[in-house]
mmCIF file of all heavy atoms, coordinates in Angstrom:
data_MODEL
# 
_entry.id   MODEL 
# 
loop_
_atom_site.group_PDB 
_atom_site.id 
_atom_site.type_symbol 
_atom_site.label_atom_id 
_atom_site.label_alt_id 
_atom_site.label_comp_id 
_atom_site.label_asym_id 
_atom_site.label_entity_id 
_atom_site.label_seq_id 
_atom_site.pdbx_PDB_ins_code 
_atom_site.Cartn_x 
_atom_site.Cartn_y 
_atom_site.Cartn_z 
_atom_site.occupancy 
_atom_site.B_iso_or_equiv 
_atom_site.pdbx_formal_charge 
_atom_site.auth_seq_id 
_atom_site.auth_comp_id 
_atom_site.auth_asym_id 
_atom_site.auth_atom_id 
_atom_site.pdbx_PDB_model_num 
ATOM 1   N N   . ILE A 1 1  ? -3.452  5.664  -3.132  1.00 0.00 ? 1  ILE A N   1 
ATOM 2   C CA  . ILE A 1 1  ? -4.032  4.736  -2.061  1.00 0.00 ? 1  ILE A CA  1 
ATOM 3   C C   . ILE A 1 1  ? -5.374  5.495  -1.641  1.00 0.00 ? 1  ILE A C   1 
ATOM 4   O O   . ILE A 1 1  ? -5.340  6.589  -1.034  1.00 0.00 ? 1  ILE A O   1 
ATOM 5   C CB  . ILE A 1 1  ? -3.009  4.712  -0.828  1.00 0.00 ? 1  ILE A CB  1 
ATOM 6   C CG1 . ILE A 1 1  ? -1.707  4.061  -1.306  1.00 0.00 ? 1  ILE A CG1 1 
ATOM 7   C CG2 . ILE A 1 1  ? -3.715  3.847  0.288   1.00 0.00 ? 1  ILE A CG2 1 
ATOM 8   C CD1 . ILE A 1 1  ? -1.730  2.699  -1.895  1.00 0.00 ? 1  ILE A CD1 1 
ATOM 9   N N   . ALA A 1 2  ? -6.520  4.707  -1.779  1.00 0.00 ? 2  ALA A N   1 
ATOM 10  C CA  . ALA A 1 2  ? -7.780  5.279  -1.396  1.00 0.00 ? 2  ALA A CA  1 
ATOM 11  C C   . ALA A 1 2  ? -8.032  5.201  0.035   1.00 0.00 ? 2  ALA A C   1 
ATOM 12  O O   . ALA A 1 2  ? -8.721  5.976  0.628   1.00 0.00 ? 2  ALA A O   1 
ATOM 13  C CB  . ALA A 1 2  ? -8.827  4.597  -2.196  1.00 0.00 ? 2  ALA A CB  1 
ATOM 14  N N   . ARG A 1 3  ? -7.484  4.217  0.742   1.00 0.00 ? 3  ARG A N   1 
ATOM 15  C CA  . ARG A 1 3  ? -7.685  3.983  2.186   1.00 0.00 ? 3  ARG A CA  1 
ATOM 16  C C   . ARG A 1 3  ? -6.840  4.952  2.947   1.00 0.00 ? 3  ARG A C   1 
ATOM 17  O O   . ARG A 1 3  ? -5.953  5.538  2.478   1.00 0.00 ? 3  ARG A O   1 
ATOM 18  C CB  . ARG A 1 3  ? -7.376  2.558  2.566   1.00 0.00 ? 3  ARG A CB  1 
ATOM 19  C CG  . ARG A 1 3  ? -8.093  1.487  1.717   1.00 0.00 ? 3  ARG A CG  1 
ATOM 20  C CD  . ARG A 1 3  ? -9.537  1.363  2.023   1.00 0.00 ? 3  ARG A CD  1 
ATOM 21  N NE  . ARG A 1 3  ? -10.079 0.243  1.199   1.00 0.00 ? 3  ARG A NE  1 
ATOM 22  C CZ  . ARG A 1 3  ? -11.320 -0.189 1.358   1.00 0.00 ? 3  ARG A CZ  1 
ATOM 23  N NH1 . ARG A 1 3  ? -12.135 0.296  2.251   1.00 0.00 ? 3  ARG A NH1 1 
ATOM 24  N NH2 . ARG A 1 3  ? -11.834 -1.089 0.512   1.00 0.00 ? 3  ARG A NH2 1 
ATOM 25  N N   . SER A 1 4  ? -7.184  5.127  4.294   1.00 0.00 ? 4  SER A N   1 
ATOM 26  C CA  . SER A 1 4  ? -6.634  6.076  5.140   1.00 0.00 ? 4  SER A CA  1 
ATOM 27  C C   . SER A 1 4  ? -5.485  5.538  5.951   1.00 0.00 ? 4  SER A C   1 
ATOM 28  O O   . SER A 1 4  ? -5.587  4.327  6.295   1.00 0.00 ? 4  SER A O   1 
ATOM 29  C CB  . SER A 1 4  ? -7.618  6.735  6.084   1.00 0.00 ? 4  SER A CB  1 
ATOM 30  O OG  . SER A 1 4  ? -8.652  7.381  5.425   1.00 0.00 ? 4  SER A OG  1 
ATOM 31  N N   . GLU A 1 5  ? -4.415  6.317  6.139   1.00 0.00 ? 5  GLU A N   1 
ATOM 32  C CA  . GLU A 1 5  ? -3.314  5.854  7.005   1.00 0.00 ? 5  GLU A CA  1 
ATOM 33  C C   . GLU A 1 5  ? -3.461  6.609  8.397   1.00 0.00 ? 5  GLU A C   1 
ATOM 34  O O   . GLU A 1 5  ? -3.535  7.839  8.466   1.00 0.00 ? 5  GLU A O   1 
ATOM 35  C CB  . GLU A 1 5  ? -1.956  6.287  6.435   1.00 0.00 ? 5  GLU A CB  1 
ATOM 36  C CG  . GLU A 1 5  ? -0.813  5.822  7.287   1.00 0.00 ? 5  GLU A CG  1 
ATOM 37  C CD  . GLU A 1 5  ? -0.684  4.404  7.564   1.00 0.00 ? 5  GLU A CD  1 
ATOM 38  O OE1 . GLU A 1 5  ? -0.804  3.547  6.694   1.00 0.00 ? 5  GLU A OE1 1 
ATOM 39  O OE2 . GLU A 1 5  ? -0.592  4.129  8.834   1.00 0.00 ? 5  GLU A OE2 1 
ATOM 40  N N   . MET A 1 6  ? -3.552  5.725  9.438   1.00 0.00 ? 6  MET A N   1 
ATOM 41  C CA  . MET A 1 6  ? -3.719  6.377  10.845  1.00 0.00 ? 6  MET A CA  1 
ATOM 42  C C   . MET A 1 6  ? -2.811  5.614  11.794  1.00 0.00 ? 6  MET A C   1 
ATOM 43  O O   . MET A 1 6  ? -3.039  5.462  12.963  1.00 0.00 ? 6  MET A O   1 
ATOM 44  C CB  . MET A 1 6  ? -5.180  6.217  11.245  1.00 0.00 ? 6  MET A CB  1 
ATOM 45  C CG  . MET A 1 6  ? -5.809  4.847  11.052  1.00 0.00 ? 6  MET A CG  1 
ATOM 46  S SD  . MET A 1 6  ? -7.595  5.001  11.373  1.00 0.00 ? 6  MET A SD  1 
ATOM 47  C CE  . MET A 1 6  ? -8.219  3.844  10.116  1.00 0.00 ? 6  MET A CE  1 
ATOM 48  N N   . GLY A 1 7  ? -1.544  5.137  11.233  1.00 0.00 ? 7  GLY A N   1 
ATOM 49  C CA  . GLY A 1 7  ? -0.636  4.481  12.050  1.00 0.00 ? 7  GLY A CA  1 
ATOM 50  C C   . GLY A 1 7  ? -0.678  2.966  12.003  1.00 0.00 ? 7  GLY A C   1 
ATOM 51  O O   . GLY A 1 7  ? 0.237   2.274  12.569  1.00 0.00 ? 7  GLY A O   1 
ATOM 52  N N   . GLN A 1 8  ? -1.563  2.480  11.226  1.00 0.00 ? 8  GLN A N   1 
ATOM 53  C CA  . GLN A 1 8  ? -1.797  0.953  11.146  1.00 0.00 ? 8  GLN A CA  1 
ATOM 54  C C   . GLN A 1 8  ? -0.988  0.307  10.036  1.00 0.00 ? 8  GLN A C   1 
ATOM 55  O O   . GLN A 1 8  ? -0.923  -0.808 10.042  1.00 0.00 ? 8  GLN A O   1 
ATOM 56  C CB  . GLN A 1 8  ? -3.275  0.618  11.120  1.00 0.00 ? 8  GLN A CB  1 
ATOM 57  C CG  . GLN A 1 8  ? -3.889  0.711  9.654   1.00 0.00 ? 8  GLN A CG  1 
ATOM 58  C CD  . GLN A 1 8  ? -4.227  2.035  9.192   1.00 0.00 ? 8  GLN A CD  1 
ATOM 59  O OE1 . GLN A 1 8  ? -3.555  3.081  9.502   1.00 0.00 ? 8  GLN A OE1 1 
ATOM 60  N NE2 . GLN A 1 8  ? -5.233  2.213  8.402   1.00 0.00 ? 8  GLN A NE2 1 
ATOM 61  N N   . GLY A 1 9  ? -0.341  1.157  9.114   1.00 0.00 ? 9  GLY A N   1 
ATOM 62  C CA  . GLY A 1 9  ? 0.355   0.639  8.082   1.00 0.00 ? 9  GLY A CA  1 
ATOM 63  C C   . GLY A 1 9  ? -0.307  0.226  6.787   1.00 0.00 ? 9  GLY A C   1 
ATOM 64  O O   . GLY A 1 9  ? 0.274   -0.372 5.930   1.00 0.00 ? 9  GLY A O   1 
ATOM 65  N N   . THR A 1 10 ? -1.549  0.613  6.709   1.00 0.00 ? 10 THR A N   1 
ATOM 66  C CA  . THR A 1 10 ? -2.346  0.259  5.460   1.00 0.00 ? 10 THR A CA  1 
ATOM 67  C C   . THR A 1 10 ? -1.679  0.811  4.209   1.00 0.00 ? 10 THR A C   1 
ATOM 68  O O   . THR A 1 10 ? -1.633  0.205  3.223   1.00 0.00 ? 10 THR A O   1 
ATOM 69  C CB  . THR A 1 10 ? -3.744  0.753  5.670   1.00 0.00 ? 10 THR A CB  1 
ATOM 70  O OG1 . THR A 1 10 ? -4.397  -0.040 6.671   1.00 0.00 ? 10 THR A OG1 1 
ATOM 71  C CG2 . THR A 1 10 ? -4.576  0.655  4.357   1.00 0.00 ? 10 THR A CG2 1 
ATOM 72  N N   . LEU A 1 11 ? -1.264  2.142  4.334   1.00 0.00 ? 11 LEU A N   1 
ATOM 73  C CA  . LEU A 1 11 ? -0.656  2.742  3.144   1.00 0.00 ? 11 LEU A CA  1 
ATOM 74  C C   . LEU A 1 11 ? 0.516   1.897  2.629   1.00 0.00 ? 11 LEU A C   1 
ATOM 75  O O   . LEU A 1 11 ? 0.522   1.702  1.421   1.00 0.00 ? 11 LEU A O   1 
ATOM 76  C CB  . LEU A 1 11 ? -0.219  4.114  3.568   1.00 0.00 ? 11 LEU A CB  1 
ATOM 77  C CG  . LEU A 1 11 ? 0.491   4.989  2.435   1.00 0.00 ? 11 LEU A CG  1 
ATOM 78  C CD1 . LEU A 1 11 ? 0.067   6.455  2.708   1.00 0.00 ? 11 LEU A CD1 1 
ATOM 79  C CD2 . LEU A 1 11 ? 1.983   4.911  2.486   1.00 0.00 ? 11 LEU A CD2 1 
ATOM 80  N N   . THR A 1 12 ? 1.451   1.472  3.491   1.00 0.00 ? 12 THR A N   1 
ATOM 81  C CA  . THR A 1 12 ? 2.535   0.627  3.015   1.00 0.00 ? 12 THR A CA  1 
ATOM 82  C C   . THR A 1 12 ? 2.158   -0.722 2.436   1.00 0.00 ? 12 THR A C   1 
ATOM 83  O O   . THR A 1 12 ? 2.564   -1.130 1.488   1.00 0.00 ? 12 THR A O   1 
ATOM 84  C CB  . THR A 1 12 ? 3.525   0.485  4.202   1.00 0.00 ? 12 THR A CB  1 
ATOM 85  O OG1 . THR A 1 12 ? 4.012   1.776  4.587   1.00 0.00 ? 12 THR A OG1 1 
ATOM 86  C CG2 . THR A 1 12 ? 4.797   -0.282 3.701   1.00 0.00 ? 12 THR A CG2 1 
ATOM 87  N N   . GLY A 1 13 ? 1.178   -1.323 3.224   1.00 0.00 ? 13 GLY A N   1 
ATOM 88  C CA  . GLY A 1 13 ? 0.771   -2.643 2.738   1.00 0.00 ? 13 GLY A CA  1 
ATOM 89  C C   . GLY A 1 13 ? 0.090   -2.679 1.388   1.00 0.00 ? 13 GLY A C   1 
ATOM 90  O O   . GLY A 1 13 ? 0.378   -3.517 0.530   1.00 0.00 ? 13 GLY A O   1 
ATOM 91  N N   . LEU A 1 14 ? -0.686  -1.644 1.173   1.00 0.00 ? 14 LEU A N   1 
ATOM 92  C CA  . LEU A 1 14 ? -1.416  -1.530 -0.208  1.00 0.00 ? 14 LEU A CA  1 
ATOM 93  C C   . LEU A 1 14 ? -0.367  -1.223 -1.231  1.00 0.00 ? 14 LEU A C   1 
ATOM 94  O O   . LEU A 1 14 ? -0.511  -1.709 -2.356  1.00 0.00 ? 14 LEU A O   1 
ATOM 95  C CB  . LEU A 1 14 ? -2.528  -0.520 -0.093  1.00 0.00 ? 14 LEU A CB  1 
ATOM 96  C CG  . LEU A 1 14 ? -3.803  -0.889 0.739   1.00 0.00 ? 14 LEU A CG  1 
ATOM 97  C CD1 . LEU A 1 14 ? -4.752  0.231  0.793   1.00 0.00 ? 14 LEU A CD1 1 
ATOM 98  C CD2 . LEU A 1 14 ? -4.446  -2.136 0.132   1.00 0.00 ? 14 LEU A CD2 1 
ATOM 99  N N   . ALA A 1 15 ? 0.575   -0.371 -0.911  1.00 0.00 ? 15 ALA A N   1 
ATOM 100 C CA  . ALA A 1 15 ? 1.573   -0.043 -1.903  1.00 0.00 ? 15 ALA A CA  1 
ATOM 101 C C   . ALA A 1 15 ? 2.437   -1.298 -2.208  1.00 0.00 ? 15 ALA A C   1 
ATOM 102 O O   . ALA A 1 15 ? 2.835   -1.434 -3.408  1.00 0.00 ? 15 ALA A O   1 
ATOM 103 C CB  . ALA A 1 15 ? 2.522   1.052  -1.325  1.00 0.00 ? 15 ALA A CB  1 
ATOM 104 N N   . GLN A 1 16 ? 2.699   -2.056 -1.265  1.00 0.00 ? 16 GLN A N   1 
ATOM 105 C CA  . GLN A 1 16 ? 3.407   -3.230 -1.531  1.00 0.00 ? 16 GLN A CA  1 
ATOM 106 C C   . GLN A 1 16 ? 2.700   -4.221 -2.467  1.00 0.00 ? 16 GLN A C   1 
ATOM 107 O O   . GLN A 1 16 ? 3.242   -4.837 -3.413  1.00 0.00 ? 16 GLN A O   1 
ATOM 108 C CB  . GLN A 1 16 ? 3.629   -4.079 -0.273  1.00 0.00 ? 16 GLN A CB  1 
ATOM 109 C CG  . GLN A 1 16 ? 4.759   -3.532 0.670   1.00 0.00 ? 16 GLN A CG  1 
ATOM 110 C CD  . GLN A 1 16 ? 4.911   -4.404 1.969   1.00 0.00 ? 16 GLN A CD  1 
ATOM 111 O OE1 . GLN A 1 16 ? 4.420   -3.966 2.973   1.00 0.00 ? 16 GLN A OE1 1 
ATOM 112 N NE2 . GLN A 1 16 ? 5.579   -5.509 1.814   1.00 0.00 ? 16 GLN A NE2 1 
ATOM 113 N N   . LEU A 1 17 ? 1.352   -4.259 -2.319  1.00 0.00 ? 17 LEU A N   1 
ATOM 114 C CA  . LEU A 1 17 ? 0.489   -5.117 -3.228  1.00 0.00 ? 17 LEU A CA  1 
ATOM 115 C C   . LEU A 1 17 ? 0.647   -4.623 -4.622  1.00 0.00 ? 17 LEU A C   1 
ATOM 116 O O   . LEU A 1 17 ? 0.748   -5.425 -5.696  1.00 0.00 ? 17 LEU A O   1 
ATOM 117 C CB  . LEU A 1 17 ? -0.849  -5.290 -2.744  1.00 0.00 ? 17 LEU A CB  1 
ATOM 118 C CG  . LEU A 1 17 ? -1.089  -6.042 -1.504  1.00 0.00 ? 17 LEU A CG  1 
ATOM 119 C CD1 . LEU A 1 17 ? -2.444  -5.847 -0.876  1.00 0.00 ? 17 LEU A CD1 1 
ATOM 120 C CD2 . LEU A 1 17 ? -0.679  -7.530 -1.618  1.00 0.00 ? 17 LEU A CD2 1 
ATOM 121 N N   . VAL A 1 18 ? 0.423   -3.371 -4.793  1.00 0.00 ? 18 VAL A N   1 
ATOM 122 C CA  . VAL A 1 18 ? 0.484   -2.672 -6.138  1.00 0.00 ? 18 VAL A CA  1 
ATOM 123 C C   . VAL A 1 18 ? 1.930   -2.889 -6.772  1.00 0.00 ? 18 VAL A C   1 
ATOM 124 O O   . VAL A 1 18 ? 2.038   -3.280 -7.935  1.00 0.00 ? 18 VAL A O   1 
ATOM 125 C CB  . VAL A 1 18 ? 0.080   -1.245 -6.116  1.00 0.00 ? 18 VAL A CB  1 
ATOM 126 C CG1 . VAL A 1 18 ? 0.335   -0.583 -7.465  1.00 0.00 ? 18 VAL A CG1 1 
ATOM 127 C CG2 . VAL A 1 18 ? -1.273  -1.019 -5.527  1.00 0.00 ? 18 VAL A CG2 1 
ATOM 128 N N   . ALA A 1 19 ? 2.920   -2.563 -6.008  1.00 0.00 ? 19 ALA A N   1 
ATOM 129 C CA  . ALA A 1 19 ? 4.271   -2.659 -6.474  1.00 0.00 ? 19 ALA A CA  1 
ATOM 130 C C   . ALA A 1 19 ? 4.679   -4.091 -6.894  1.00 0.00 ? 19 ALA A C   1 
ATOM 131 O O   . ALA A 1 19 ? 5.412   -4.337 -7.848  1.00 0.00 ? 19 ALA A O   1 
ATOM 132 C CB  . ALA A 1 19 ? 5.343   -2.158 -5.401  1.00 0.00 ? 19 ALA A CB  1 
ATOM 133 N N   . GLU A 1 20 ? 4.152   -5.052 -6.112  1.00 0.00 ? 20 GLU A N   1 
ATOM 134 C CA  . GLU A 1 20 ? 4.468   -6.415 -6.434  1.00 0.00 ? 20 GLU A CA  1 
ATOM 135 C C   . GLU A 1 20 ? 3.943   -6.764 -7.850  1.00 0.00 ? 20 GLU A C   1 
ATOM 136 O O   . GLU A 1 20 ? 4.679   -7.352 -8.588  1.00 0.00 ? 20 GLU A O   1 
ATOM 137 C CB  . GLU A 1 20 ? 3.720   -7.355 -5.371  1.00 0.00 ? 20 GLU A CB  1 
ATOM 138 C CG  . GLU A 1 20 ? 3.953   -8.823 -5.603  1.00 0.00 ? 20 GLU A CG  1 
ATOM 139 C CD  . GLU A 1 20 ? 5.419   -9.337 -5.493  1.00 0.00 ? 20 GLU A CD  1 
ATOM 140 O OE1 . GLU A 1 20 ? 6.023   -9.050 -4.510  1.00 0.00 ? 20 GLU A OE1 1 
ATOM 141 O OE2 . GLU A 1 20 ? 5.863   -9.879 -6.516  1.00 0.00 ? 20 GLU A OE2 1 
ATOM 142 N N   . GLU A 1 21 ? 2.736   -6.508 -8.105  1.00 0.00 ? 21 GLU A N   1 
ATOM 143 C CA  . GLU A 1 21 ? 2.169   -6.913 -9.427  1.00 0.00 ? 21 GLU A CA  1 
ATOM 144 C C   . GLU A 1 21 ? 2.737   -5.898 -10.588 1.00 0.00 ? 21 GLU A C   1 
ATOM 145 O O   . GLU A 1 21 ? 2.847   -6.382 -11.723 1.00 0.00 ? 21 GLU A O   1 
ATOM 146 C CB  . GLU A 1 21 ? 0.619   -6.658 -9.460  1.00 0.00 ? 21 GLU A CB  1 
ATOM 147 C CG  . GLU A 1 21 ? -0.066  -7.606 -8.363  1.00 0.00 ? 21 GLU A CG  1 
ATOM 148 C CD  . GLU A 1 21 ? -0.083  -9.060 -8.767  1.00 0.00 ? 21 GLU A CD  1 
ATOM 149 O OE1 . GLU A 1 21 ? 0.359   -9.378 -9.895  1.00 0.00 ? 21 GLU A OE1 1 
ATOM 150 O OE2 . GLU A 1 21 ? -0.354  -9.957 -7.962  1.00 0.00 ? 21 GLU A OE2 1 
ATOM 151 N N   . LEU A 1 22 ? 3.097   -4.721 -10.124 1.00 0.00 ? 22 LEU A N   1 
ATOM 152 C CA  . LEU A 1 22 ? 3.667   -3.825 -11.125 1.00 0.00 ? 22 LEU A CA  1 
ATOM 153 C C   . LEU A 1 22 ? 5.036   -4.259 -11.490 1.00 0.00 ? 22 LEU A C   1 
ATOM 154 O O   . LEU A 1 22 ? 5.517   -4.054 -12.711 1.00 0.00 ? 22 LEU A O   1 
ATOM 155 C CB  . LEU A 1 22 ? 3.690   -2.374 -10.609 1.00 0.00 ? 22 LEU A CB  1 
ATOM 156 C CG  . LEU A 1 22 ? 4.307   -1.183 -11.482 1.00 0.00 ? 22 LEU A CG  1 
ATOM 157 C CD1 . LEU A 1 22 ? 3.396   -1.120 -12.736 1.00 0.00 ? 22 LEU A CD1 1 
ATOM 158 C CD2 . LEU A 1 22 ? 4.327   0.043  -10.639 1.00 0.00 ? 22 LEU A CD2 1 
ATOM 159 N N   . GLY A 1 23 ? 5.844   -4.756 -10.605 1.00 0.00 ? 23 GLY A N   1 
ATOM 160 C CA  . GLY A 1 23 ? 7.139   -5.145 -10.882 1.00 0.00 ? 23 GLY A CA  1 
ATOM 161 C C   . GLY A 1 23 ? 8.143   -3.933 -10.831 1.00 0.00 ? 23 GLY A C   1 
ATOM 162 O O   . GLY A 1 23 ? 9.131   -3.995 -11.578 1.00 0.00 ? 23 GLY A O   1 
ATOM 163 N N   . CYS A 1 24 ? 7.912   -2.998 -10.057 1.00 0.00 ? 24 CYS A N   1 
ATOM 164 C CA  . CYS A 1 24 ? 8.688   -1.814 -10.003 1.00 0.00 ? 24 CYS A CA  1 
ATOM 165 C C   . CYS A 1 24 ? 9.795   -1.925 -9.026  1.00 0.00 ? 24 CYS A C   1 
ATOM 166 O O   . CYS A 1 24 ? 9.936   -2.879 -8.253  1.00 0.00 ? 24 CYS A O   1 
ATOM 167 C CB  . CYS A 1 24 ? 7.924   -0.531 -9.709  1.00 0.00 ? 24 CYS A CB  1 
ATOM 168 S SG  . CYS A 1 24 ? 7.126   -0.547 -8.046  1.00 0.00 ? 24 CYS A SG  1 
# 
């Protein structure tokens, strides 16, 4: 994840998008 996590949940949201397309 290139973006920063500061309590807003960006880390989880971006991981969800990657995981969705990855199918993991």
